[in-house]
N, C-alpha and C. Protein backbone atom coordinates (compact mmCIF):
# COMPACT_ATOMS: atom_id res chain seq x y z
N MET A 1 79.89 123.87 104.34
CA MET A 1 79.76 122.99 105.47
C MET A 1 80.93 122.01 105.47
N ILE A 2 81.61 121.88 106.59
CA ILE A 2 82.74 120.96 106.72
C ILE A 2 82.26 119.75 107.51
N LYS A 3 82.43 118.59 106.93
CA LYS A 3 81.99 117.35 107.56
C LYS A 3 83.01 116.26 107.26
N THR A 4 83.25 115.38 108.24
CA THR A 4 84.17 114.28 108.05
C THR A 4 83.38 113.00 107.78
N ILE A 5 83.78 112.30 106.73
CA ILE A 5 83.14 111.02 106.40
C ILE A 5 84.19 109.91 106.48
N GLN A 6 83.71 108.68 106.60
CA GLN A 6 84.59 107.52 106.63
C GLN A 6 84.15 106.56 105.54
N PHE A 7 85.13 105.92 104.91
CA PHE A 7 84.82 104.95 103.86
C PHE A 7 85.93 103.90 103.77
N PRO A 8 85.59 102.68 103.32
CA PRO A 8 86.60 101.65 103.14
C PRO A 8 87.22 101.77 101.74
N VAL A 9 88.46 101.32 101.62
CA VAL A 9 89.10 101.24 100.31
C VAL A 9 88.73 99.88 99.73
N LYS A 10 88.22 99.88 98.51
CA LYS A 10 87.77 98.66 97.86
C LYS A 10 88.86 98.08 96.96
N GLY A 11 88.89 96.77 96.81
CA GLY A 11 89.81 96.11 95.89
C GLY A 11 91.22 95.95 96.40
N THR A 12 91.42 96.05 97.71
CA THR A 12 92.78 95.98 98.25
C THR A 12 93.46 94.65 97.95
N PHE A 13 92.68 93.60 97.80
CA PHE A 13 93.23 92.27 97.52
C PHE A 13 93.95 92.23 96.17
N TYR A 14 93.51 93.05 95.23
CA TYR A 14 94.03 93.00 93.86
C TYR A 14 95.19 93.96 93.60
N TYR A 15 95.48 94.83 94.55
CA TYR A 15 96.50 95.85 94.30
C TYR A 15 97.61 95.74 95.34
N ALA A 16 98.30 96.81 95.64
CA ALA A 16 99.53 96.75 96.44
C ALA A 16 99.31 97.00 97.93
N ALA A 17 98.11 96.75 98.43
CA ALA A 17 97.85 96.99 99.86
C ALA A 17 98.70 96.07 100.74
N GLU A 18 98.84 94.81 100.33
CA GLU A 18 99.66 93.88 101.11
C GLU A 18 101.12 94.32 101.14
N LEU A 19 101.63 94.78 100.00
CA LEU A 19 103.00 95.29 99.95
C LEU A 19 103.16 96.52 100.84
N ALA A 20 102.17 97.39 100.85
CA ALA A 20 102.22 98.58 101.70
C ALA A 20 102.27 98.20 103.18
N LEU A 21 101.53 97.16 103.57
CA LEU A 21 101.58 96.71 104.96
C LEU A 21 102.92 96.07 105.29
N GLU A 22 103.42 95.22 104.39
CA GLU A 22 104.69 94.53 104.62
C GLU A 22 105.86 95.49 104.75
N THR A 23 105.87 96.54 103.95
CA THR A 23 106.96 97.50 103.95
C THR A 23 106.71 98.68 104.90
N GLN A 24 105.64 98.60 105.66
CA GLN A 24 105.25 99.63 106.64
C GLN A 24 105.09 101.00 106.00
N CYS A 25 104.58 101.02 104.77
CA CYS A 25 104.28 102.27 104.09
C CYS A 25 102.89 102.78 104.46
N LEU A 26 102.19 102.02 105.27
CA LEU A 26 100.84 102.38 105.66
C LEU A 26 100.80 102.52 107.17
N THR A 27 100.47 103.70 107.66
CA THR A 27 100.38 103.95 109.09
C THR A 27 99.10 104.70 109.39
N LEU A 28 98.71 104.70 110.65
CA LEU A 28 97.51 105.45 111.04
C LEU A 28 97.73 106.95 110.82
N ASN A 29 96.69 107.62 110.41
CA ASN A 29 96.68 109.06 110.12
C ASN A 29 97.55 109.45 108.94
N MET A 30 98.02 108.47 108.19
CA MET A 30 98.84 108.75 107.02
C MET A 30 97.97 109.36 105.93
N PRO A 31 98.41 110.46 105.33
CA PRO A 31 97.64 111.03 104.23
C PRO A 31 97.76 110.16 102.98
N LEU A 32 96.66 109.99 102.31
CA LEU A 32 96.62 109.21 101.07
C LEU A 32 96.37 110.14 99.90
N ILE A 33 96.49 109.60 98.71
CA ILE A 33 96.34 110.40 97.49
C ILE A 33 95.17 109.84 96.69
N LEU A 34 94.26 110.71 96.27
CA LEU A 34 93.15 110.32 95.41
C LEU A 34 93.46 110.75 93.99
N LYS A 35 93.23 109.83 93.05
CA LYS A 35 93.49 110.15 91.65
C LYS A 35 92.33 109.62 90.80
N PRO A 36 91.62 110.52 90.09
CA PRO A 36 90.53 110.03 89.24
C PRO A 36 91.07 109.19 88.09
N GLU A 37 90.27 108.23 87.67
CA GLU A 37 90.66 107.36 86.55
C GLU A 37 89.51 107.36 85.53
N PRO A 38 89.38 108.43 84.74
CA PRO A 38 88.26 108.52 83.80
C PRO A 38 88.32 107.50 82.68
N ASP A 39 89.49 106.89 82.44
CA ASP A 39 89.63 105.89 81.38
C ASP A 39 89.23 104.49 81.83
N ASN A 40 88.82 104.34 83.08
CA ASN A 40 88.45 103.03 83.61
C ASN A 40 87.28 102.46 82.80
N PRO A 41 87.44 101.27 82.21
CA PRO A 41 86.38 100.72 81.35
C PRO A 41 85.12 100.29 82.12
N TYR A 42 85.24 100.10 83.43
CA TYR A 42 84.10 99.64 84.22
C TYR A 42 83.34 100.77 84.91
N ASP A 43 84.04 101.87 85.18
CA ASP A 43 83.42 102.99 85.89
C ASP A 43 84.12 104.29 85.51
N PRO A 44 83.44 105.17 84.77
CA PRO A 44 84.08 106.43 84.38
C PRO A 44 84.32 107.39 85.55
N HIS A 45 83.69 107.11 86.70
CA HIS A 45 83.86 107.96 87.89
C HIS A 45 84.89 107.38 88.87
N ALA A 46 85.58 106.32 88.48
CA ALA A 46 86.50 105.62 89.38
C ALA A 46 87.57 106.56 89.93
N ILE A 47 87.86 106.38 91.22
CA ILE A 47 88.89 107.17 91.89
C ILE A 47 89.85 106.20 92.59
N GLN A 48 91.11 106.26 92.21
CA GLN A 48 92.13 105.40 92.80
C GLN A 48 92.61 105.98 94.12
N VAL A 49 93.01 105.09 95.04
CA VAL A 49 93.56 105.50 96.33
C VAL A 49 95.01 105.02 96.38
N TYR A 50 95.94 105.97 96.53
CA TYR A 50 97.37 105.66 96.56
C TYR A 50 97.96 105.98 97.93
N SER A 51 99.00 105.24 98.27
CA SER A 51 99.80 105.51 99.45
C SER A 51 101.20 105.90 98.98
N PRO A 52 101.75 106.99 99.52
CA PRO A 52 103.15 107.29 99.17
C PRO A 52 104.04 106.16 99.68
N ILE A 53 105.10 105.86 98.94
CA ILE A 53 106.00 104.78 99.35
C ILE A 53 106.81 105.19 100.58
N TYR A 54 107.11 106.46 100.68
CA TYR A 54 107.90 106.94 101.81
C TYR A 54 107.00 107.69 102.78
N PRO A 55 107.38 107.77 104.06
CA PRO A 55 106.59 108.56 105.00
C PRO A 55 106.45 110.01 104.52
N PRO A 56 105.39 110.71 104.93
CA PRO A 56 105.13 112.06 104.43
C PRO A 56 106.31 113.02 104.54
N ALA A 57 107.13 112.90 105.60
CA ALA A 57 108.26 113.82 105.77
C ALA A 57 109.31 113.61 104.68
N GLU A 58 109.37 112.42 104.11
CA GLU A 58 110.38 112.11 103.10
C GLU A 58 109.79 112.04 101.70
N THR A 59 108.61 112.57 101.49
CA THR A 59 107.93 112.40 100.21
C THR A 59 108.39 113.43 99.18
N ASN A 60 109.64 113.38 98.81
CA ASN A 60 110.14 114.18 97.70
C ASN A 60 109.90 113.42 96.40
N SER A 61 109.79 112.11 96.52
CA SER A 61 109.59 111.25 95.37
C SER A 61 108.11 111.18 95.01
N LYS A 62 107.84 110.94 93.75
CA LYS A 62 106.46 110.79 93.28
C LYS A 62 106.03 109.32 93.37
N ALA A 63 106.89 108.45 93.90
CA ALA A 63 106.58 107.03 93.96
C ALA A 63 105.42 106.79 94.91
N LYS A 64 104.49 105.92 94.47
CA LYS A 64 103.33 105.62 95.30
C LYS A 64 102.81 104.23 94.95
N LEU A 65 102.03 103.67 95.88
CA LEU A 65 101.45 102.35 95.71
C LEU A 65 99.93 102.46 95.58
N LEU A 66 99.37 101.78 94.60
CA LEU A 66 97.92 101.75 94.44
C LEU A 66 97.36 100.77 95.47
N LEU A 67 96.53 101.30 96.39
CA LEU A 67 95.93 100.47 97.43
C LEU A 67 94.60 99.88 96.99
N GLY A 68 93.85 100.64 96.20
CA GLY A 68 92.53 100.20 95.77
C GLY A 68 91.74 101.39 95.26
N TYR A 69 90.43 101.33 95.44
CA TYR A 69 89.54 102.35 94.90
C TYR A 69 88.56 102.86 95.95
N VAL A 70 88.09 104.08 95.74
CA VAL A 70 86.98 104.63 96.51
C VAL A 70 85.74 103.84 96.10
N PRO A 71 84.85 103.47 97.04
CA PRO A 71 83.63 102.74 96.65
C PRO A 71 82.87 103.46 95.54
N ARG A 72 82.32 102.67 94.62
CA ARG A 72 81.70 103.19 93.40
C ARG A 72 80.64 104.27 93.67
N ALA A 73 79.74 104.04 94.62
CA ALA A 73 78.67 105.01 94.88
C ALA A 73 79.23 106.33 95.39
N LEU A 74 80.27 106.27 96.21
CA LEU A 74 80.91 107.48 96.73
C LEU A 74 81.72 108.17 95.65
N ALA A 75 82.41 107.39 94.83
CA ALA A 75 83.23 107.96 93.75
C ALA A 75 82.37 108.76 92.77
N LYS A 76 81.17 108.26 92.51
CA LYS A 76 80.27 108.96 91.59
C LYS A 76 79.93 110.36 92.12
N GLN A 77 79.85 110.52 93.44
CA GLN A 77 79.53 111.82 94.03
C GLN A 77 80.76 112.73 94.13
N LEU A 78 81.93 112.14 94.40
CA LEU A 78 83.15 112.94 94.58
C LEU A 78 83.83 113.30 93.26
N SER A 79 83.64 112.48 92.24
CA SER A 79 84.32 112.66 90.97
C SER A 79 84.15 114.06 90.36
N PRO A 80 82.94 114.61 90.28
CA PRO A 80 82.80 115.95 89.68
C PRO A 80 83.60 117.03 90.41
N SER A 81 83.64 116.97 91.75
CA SER A 81 84.38 117.99 92.48
C SER A 81 85.89 117.81 92.32
N ILE A 82 86.36 116.56 92.22
CA ILE A 82 87.79 116.32 91.99
C ILE A 82 88.18 116.82 90.61
N LYS A 83 87.33 116.54 89.61
CA LYS A 83 87.60 117.02 88.25
C LYS A 83 87.57 118.54 88.18
N ALA A 84 86.80 119.18 89.08
CA ALA A 84 86.72 120.64 89.13
C ALA A 84 87.93 121.26 89.84
N GLY A 85 88.79 120.41 90.40
CA GLY A 85 90.02 120.92 91.01
C GLY A 85 90.06 120.91 92.52
N ILE A 86 89.02 120.41 93.18
CA ILE A 86 89.05 120.33 94.64
C ILE A 86 89.99 119.21 95.05
N GLN A 87 90.92 119.52 95.94
CA GLN A 87 91.90 118.54 96.41
C GLN A 87 91.42 117.96 97.74
N TYR A 88 91.18 116.66 97.77
CA TYR A 88 90.81 115.98 99.00
C TYR A 88 92.03 115.27 99.55
N GLN A 89 92.15 115.24 100.86
CA GLN A 89 93.29 114.60 101.53
C GLN A 89 92.76 113.56 102.51
N PRO A 90 92.44 112.35 102.02
CA PRO A 90 91.99 111.32 102.95
C PRO A 90 93.16 110.83 103.81
N SER A 91 92.82 110.30 104.97
CA SER A 91 93.86 109.73 105.83
C SER A 91 93.39 108.38 106.35
N VAL A 92 94.33 107.53 106.71
CA VAL A 92 94.06 106.18 107.17
C VAL A 92 93.60 106.24 108.63
N ILE A 93 92.47 105.62 108.93
CA ILE A 93 92.01 105.56 110.32
C ILE A 93 92.02 104.13 110.86
N HIS A 94 92.11 103.15 109.95
CA HIS A 94 92.15 101.75 110.37
C HIS A 94 92.72 100.91 109.23
N PHE A 95 93.55 99.96 109.60
CA PHE A 95 93.97 98.95 108.62
C PHE A 95 94.24 97.66 109.36
N ALA A 96 93.91 96.55 108.70
CA ALA A 96 94.11 95.24 109.29
C ALA A 96 94.19 94.20 108.19
N GLN A 97 94.94 93.16 108.46
CA GLN A 97 95.01 92.04 107.52
C GLN A 97 94.35 90.85 108.19
N LYS A 98 93.35 90.32 107.51
CA LYS A 98 92.63 89.15 108.02
C LYS A 98 92.73 88.05 106.97
N GLY A 99 93.71 87.18 107.14
CA GLY A 99 93.98 86.18 106.12
C GLY A 99 94.52 86.86 104.89
N LYS A 100 93.88 86.62 103.75
CA LYS A 100 94.31 87.26 102.51
C LYS A 100 93.64 88.62 102.31
N GLN A 101 92.60 88.89 103.09
CA GLN A 101 91.88 90.15 102.96
C GLN A 101 92.57 91.26 103.76
N ILE A 102 92.59 92.44 103.19
CA ILE A 102 93.16 93.60 103.86
C ILE A 102 92.08 94.67 103.94
N GLU A 103 91.83 95.15 105.15
CA GLU A 103 90.86 96.21 105.35
C GLU A 103 91.60 97.53 105.55
N ILE A 104 91.20 98.53 104.80
CA ILE A 104 91.74 99.88 104.98
C ILE A 104 90.55 100.82 105.02
N ASP A 105 90.43 101.55 106.11
CA ASP A 105 89.36 102.55 106.24
C ASP A 105 89.99 103.93 106.27
N CYS A 106 89.33 104.86 105.60
CA CYS A 106 89.85 106.23 105.49
C CYS A 106 88.82 107.22 106.02
N GLN A 107 89.30 108.38 106.32
CA GLN A 107 88.40 109.48 106.62
C GLN A 107 88.78 110.65 105.73
N LEU A 108 87.78 111.48 105.46
CA LEU A 108 87.95 112.56 104.50
C LEU A 108 87.10 113.73 104.94
N GLN A 109 87.66 114.93 104.90
CA GLN A 109 86.88 116.13 105.22
C GLN A 109 86.29 116.70 103.94
N LEU A 110 85.00 116.96 103.99
CA LEU A 110 84.30 117.53 102.85
C LEU A 110 84.01 119.00 103.08
N HIS A 111 84.16 119.78 102.05
CA HIS A 111 83.83 121.20 102.08
C HIS A 111 82.82 121.44 100.96
N LEU A 112 81.63 120.87 101.12
CA LEU A 112 80.62 120.94 100.08
C LEU A 112 79.33 121.52 100.64
N SER A 113 78.36 121.71 99.76
CA SER A 113 77.06 122.21 100.21
C SER A 113 76.43 121.22 101.18
N TRP A 114 75.51 121.69 102.00
CA TRP A 114 74.91 120.82 103.00
C TRP A 114 74.15 119.66 102.35
N PHE A 115 73.51 119.91 101.21
CA PHE A 115 72.74 118.86 100.56
C PHE A 115 73.64 117.76 100.02
N LEU A 116 74.71 118.14 99.34
CA LEU A 116 75.64 117.16 98.81
C LEU A 116 76.36 116.42 99.94
N THR A 117 76.69 117.14 101.00
CA THR A 117 77.33 116.51 102.16
C THR A 117 76.40 115.48 102.79
N LEU A 118 75.12 115.81 102.93
CA LEU A 118 74.15 114.87 103.48
C LEU A 118 74.01 113.64 102.58
N LYS A 119 73.96 113.87 101.30
CA LYS A 119 73.85 112.76 100.33
C LYS A 119 75.05 111.83 100.46
N ILE A 120 76.24 112.40 100.57
CA ILE A 120 77.46 111.59 100.69
C ILE A 120 77.49 110.85 102.02
N GLN A 121 77.02 111.49 103.09
CA GLN A 121 76.96 110.82 104.39
C GLN A 121 76.03 109.61 104.34
N LEU A 122 74.90 109.75 103.67
CA LEU A 122 73.97 108.62 103.53
C LEU A 122 74.60 107.49 102.72
N ILE A 123 75.32 107.82 101.69
CA ILE A 123 76.01 106.81 100.89
C ILE A 123 77.04 106.08 101.74
N CYS A 124 77.82 106.82 102.53
CA CYS A 124 78.83 106.20 103.40
C CYS A 124 78.18 105.30 104.45
N PHE A 125 77.03 105.73 104.97
CA PHE A 125 76.29 104.91 105.93
C PHE A 125 75.87 103.59 105.26
N TRP A 126 75.37 103.68 104.03
CA TRP A 126 74.95 102.49 103.31
C TRP A 126 76.13 101.56 103.02
N ILE A 127 77.27 102.11 102.65
CA ILE A 127 78.47 101.31 102.39
C ILE A 127 78.89 100.57 103.66
N LYS A 128 78.85 101.27 104.78
CA LYS A 128 79.21 100.66 106.07
C LYS A 128 78.26 99.52 106.42
N GLN A 129 76.96 99.71 106.18
CA GLN A 129 75.98 98.66 106.46
C GLN A 129 76.21 97.44 105.57
N GLN A 130 76.58 97.68 104.33
CA GLN A 130 76.88 96.56 103.43
C GLN A 130 78.08 95.77 103.94
N GLN A 131 79.07 96.47 104.48
CA GLN A 131 80.25 95.79 105.04
C GLN A 131 79.85 94.91 106.22
N VAL A 132 79.02 95.44 107.10
CA VAL A 132 78.58 94.69 108.28
C VAL A 132 77.81 93.44 107.84
N LEU A 133 76.91 93.60 106.88
CA LEU A 133 76.13 92.46 106.40
C LEU A 133 77.03 91.40 105.75
N LYS A 134 78.04 91.85 105.02
CA LYS A 134 78.97 90.91 104.38
C LYS A 134 79.74 90.12 105.44
N LYS A 135 80.17 90.79 106.51
CA LYS A 135 80.89 90.11 107.58
C LYS A 135 79.99 89.08 108.27
N LEU A 136 78.74 89.46 108.51
CA LEU A 136 77.80 88.51 109.12
C LEU A 136 77.55 87.32 108.22
N LYS A 137 77.40 87.60 106.94
CA LYS A 137 77.17 86.53 105.96
C LYS A 137 78.33 85.55 105.95
N ASN A 138 79.55 86.10 105.96
CA ASN A 138 80.75 85.24 105.97
C ASN A 138 80.88 84.47 107.28
N ARG A 139 80.51 85.12 108.37
CA ARG A 139 80.63 84.48 109.68
C ARG A 139 79.70 83.28 109.80
N PHE A 140 78.48 83.46 109.31
CA PHE A 140 77.49 82.39 109.42
C PHE A 140 77.35 81.59 108.14
N LYS A 141 78.20 81.90 107.16
CA LYS A 141 78.22 81.20 105.87
C LYS A 141 76.84 81.12 105.23
N ILE A 142 76.16 82.26 105.20
CA ILE A 142 74.85 82.36 104.57
C ILE A 142 75.06 82.56 103.08
N GLN A 143 74.33 81.84 102.28
CA GLN A 143 74.47 81.93 100.82
C GLN A 143 73.62 83.02 100.25
């Protein structure tokens, strides 16, 4: 079953997302690179999200910028298939800078069983709802 999901990149404030925006290394529909990080001390399923430094047509170089991470709940589901050799090609569907915060949203096509695809879709729905609630909380300064 082929299904497209959307997810935000987490931790953009701590990595090179701002540099990617300043140098225009981040554009809409730009393919991104997923790289598992099994040595991560906080999450053994962590998956890093990288942007090539050069536009895709000029990507002879291996240089890339770490933008952030796949959300933890989603990474836990995708990690086994990435370790098994499945190559995912996420692309940028939205990016914006709001003060010091940088939002980057990606989309990804899944080629998994219907059950796993449904599970991942539910996780992505939950992640999106958490984002909406966080924005509302910040807007109304709810503690």
